[in-house]
Amino acid sequence: MWVTLKALSSFLCYLLIGIYLVDAAPTPKCNDTGNFITNSTYGKNRDLILASLPSNVSAKSVYALGVCRGDSTPDDCYRCVNSSTHDLIVSCHNQKEALLWASELKCFLRYANRPFFGILELEPTDAGYNTASITSNLTQFDTIRESLMDGVVGKASSGSSTLKYATGEADFTTFRTIHALMQCTPDLSHKDCDSCLRQSVSNHESCCHRKQGGYVQKPNCWFRWDLCPFYISNASTTAPSLSPPLPVNSASKNGDGGHSSHTLLIIIVPIIIFVVVIVILAAVILLKRNKKRKQDDQINKNHAEPFQFDFNAVRLATENFSDANMLGQGGFASVYKGQLEDGRKVAIKRLSENSGQGEQEFKNEVMLLAKLQHRNLVRLLGFSFEQKERVLIYEFLPNSSLDSFIFDPVKCLQLNWEKRYKIIKGIAKGLLYLHKDSQYRIIHRDLKPANILLDEELNPKISDFGMAKLFALEQKYALRGQYSVKSDVYGFRVLVLEIISGQKINSFTNREVGDSLLTHVRSWRNWNEGTALEVVDPILRDGSRSEITRCIQLGLLCVQEDTAYRPTMASAVLMLSSYSISLPMPSAPPLSMHSIRERETKSKERETKSKSSSFSNQSKRETVQVSVN
């Protein structure tokens, strides 16, 4: 029955395909790199090359390239390239360079007056998405989709020199499956194909997060995903031939009319019966949908609940909290490395006995922390307590914290610009989750390299929420609070500058605030004078100057004097992921601590007035402070 219902779900996708807006009509991209005279030699050569593509698409063509989707049949491939050739010549009749992605990504056509084979080019980009959104099981969806995309990228980029193409599926719920297709032009290297596809996925996430489908097309690669099947899953891994199709045998056209009518009846009657069955089964699915949704919600709830460890097992894992296993110590807790009985390595945070928390209060706050699940946050595995002892068990990250790399004269060499840029984007995504995408609005308030941990692949994970607050948007808090999400935006700027420069910037605290502000003022002056790159760590000299400059500009936007003009983390993530967005010019940073607090107070008052009506509807909600992490 399950298989039947899943097949039904796929069939309904085809019946309802009319409401999907993923695919747009193919639009040629005529690059503005120069024109040629009509009927000139170049024009005749272009028409000749393009006309030969349907029967001779090959990497040996000097200035033209045609590629068909990996699941295309030879006939479909020929027709697509032939039709696209005509469309491209008509639309870009005298441009020296142009490209075209055919409808549904069936084929890709490109020509230029310069060699481009084997050269990775990420622009221009064409993208679209399904207007419907994922509305339930969001964390589960993000995890499954991210894993699927990583797998398909790996398979596609590992293809041969004739075909770099892969598809993949992953069950999202019992009746919903995520389908993904990725392909690169075969002239790309494994590394460039991987880079191109990952950039495409990132572009899609920036504009169309949690939509029910979408696509991104670039000159060297393209990908599409949907909740409905749209490709042939058992297609051959051999690149389709573009030789012209053989002519149809004329004898087959002159068959007996009686046989044709009989064949028509054989086709129509089963279709009518099948549609009736579909309608009946669809009604059954709709009746069961609510029950299934409740079951999925219960599964997610159980997945989010942390495990309670036996305290004696915790003592054993840390060798009775031996000093030799201590990883660090702060004012409210000590952190130890431990190994559980099953061999897993963990980080165990032993809270101070002066925390004054009762057993139930401790459990409640642990449950809140367990709901914070994101790939750029340190994951809480469980907890334990005994009398006055309170312990939190986290995943163990072998590479320690970011400060142990960027401020170390030897280990800093392990972080080239590509890795540092990935760390910056990961931190931004983690903060965006805390500020907007989690169940609670969370302000970290203590952003610094020591609180950014690195996993085995040097992916960043934000840690230490000892000063974080989970709060409802209440008027009384907004009026008297001294922190807002823009405070974390300011802290993000400090992190970015430290990652780029490899130098410590004094923290945003009482006695040292003058030095911190002076650093931002100098950075802004360097920007205005065109010497912004003087602050860059010398070991990053081979990094992308455009990316580094963009990060510095974003950092200056994050410390503008008026907090109302500082970008949100949502805007920061978009600016880091999409080069199609132009960044505004930054204004001057504050010149004094008084100026900062005065601006933030005025900004909060503006926000409070604009949201007074919504605050009044939530007056019964109370602030919850987390002090266990």
Foldseek 3Di string as FASTA:
>chain_A
DLVVLLVLLQVVCVVPVVLFDFWDAKDKDQDPPDWDDPPDPLLVVLLVLLQCCLQDADPPDFFKHKAFAQQDALQLSSVQSNVVSVVNCVNRVTGQWMKIQHTPSGMIIIGHPHGCFQPQDQDDKDKGATPAFDDPPQVLVVVQVVVFLVVQLLQQLPAALCWRKGKDWDDSASNWIKIKIKTFNSRYHSVSSSVNSVLFVLLCCLPPNRGQWMKMDGPTMIMIMHRHDDGDNPGDSGGHRSRHDDDDDPVVVDDDPVVVVVVVVVPPVVVVVVVVVSVVVVVVCVVCVVVRRVVSVVVVLVVLQADEDEVVQVCVFQVNVDPVQWPDDDDFWTWGWGAGPVGAIKIKIKTDLPPPDDPVRLNVLVSVQSQLDDPQAWHWRHWYDDDSITMTITHDAVQAWQLVQLQDPPNVLVQEPVLLLQQLLSVLVSLCCCCPVGPFHKAQLDDDRNQWTAHPVGHTHGDDSQVMWTFDPALVCLQPPQDDLLSVLLSSLLRLLCSFQSDHQDDCDDPRVQSNLVVLQVLLVCVVVVNNNPSGHVSHPVPDPVLSVLSSQLSLLSQALQSVRRDGSSVVSSSSSDPVDDDDGHDGGDNDPVSNSVNSNVVSVVVSVVCVVVNVVVVPTGIDGRNRD
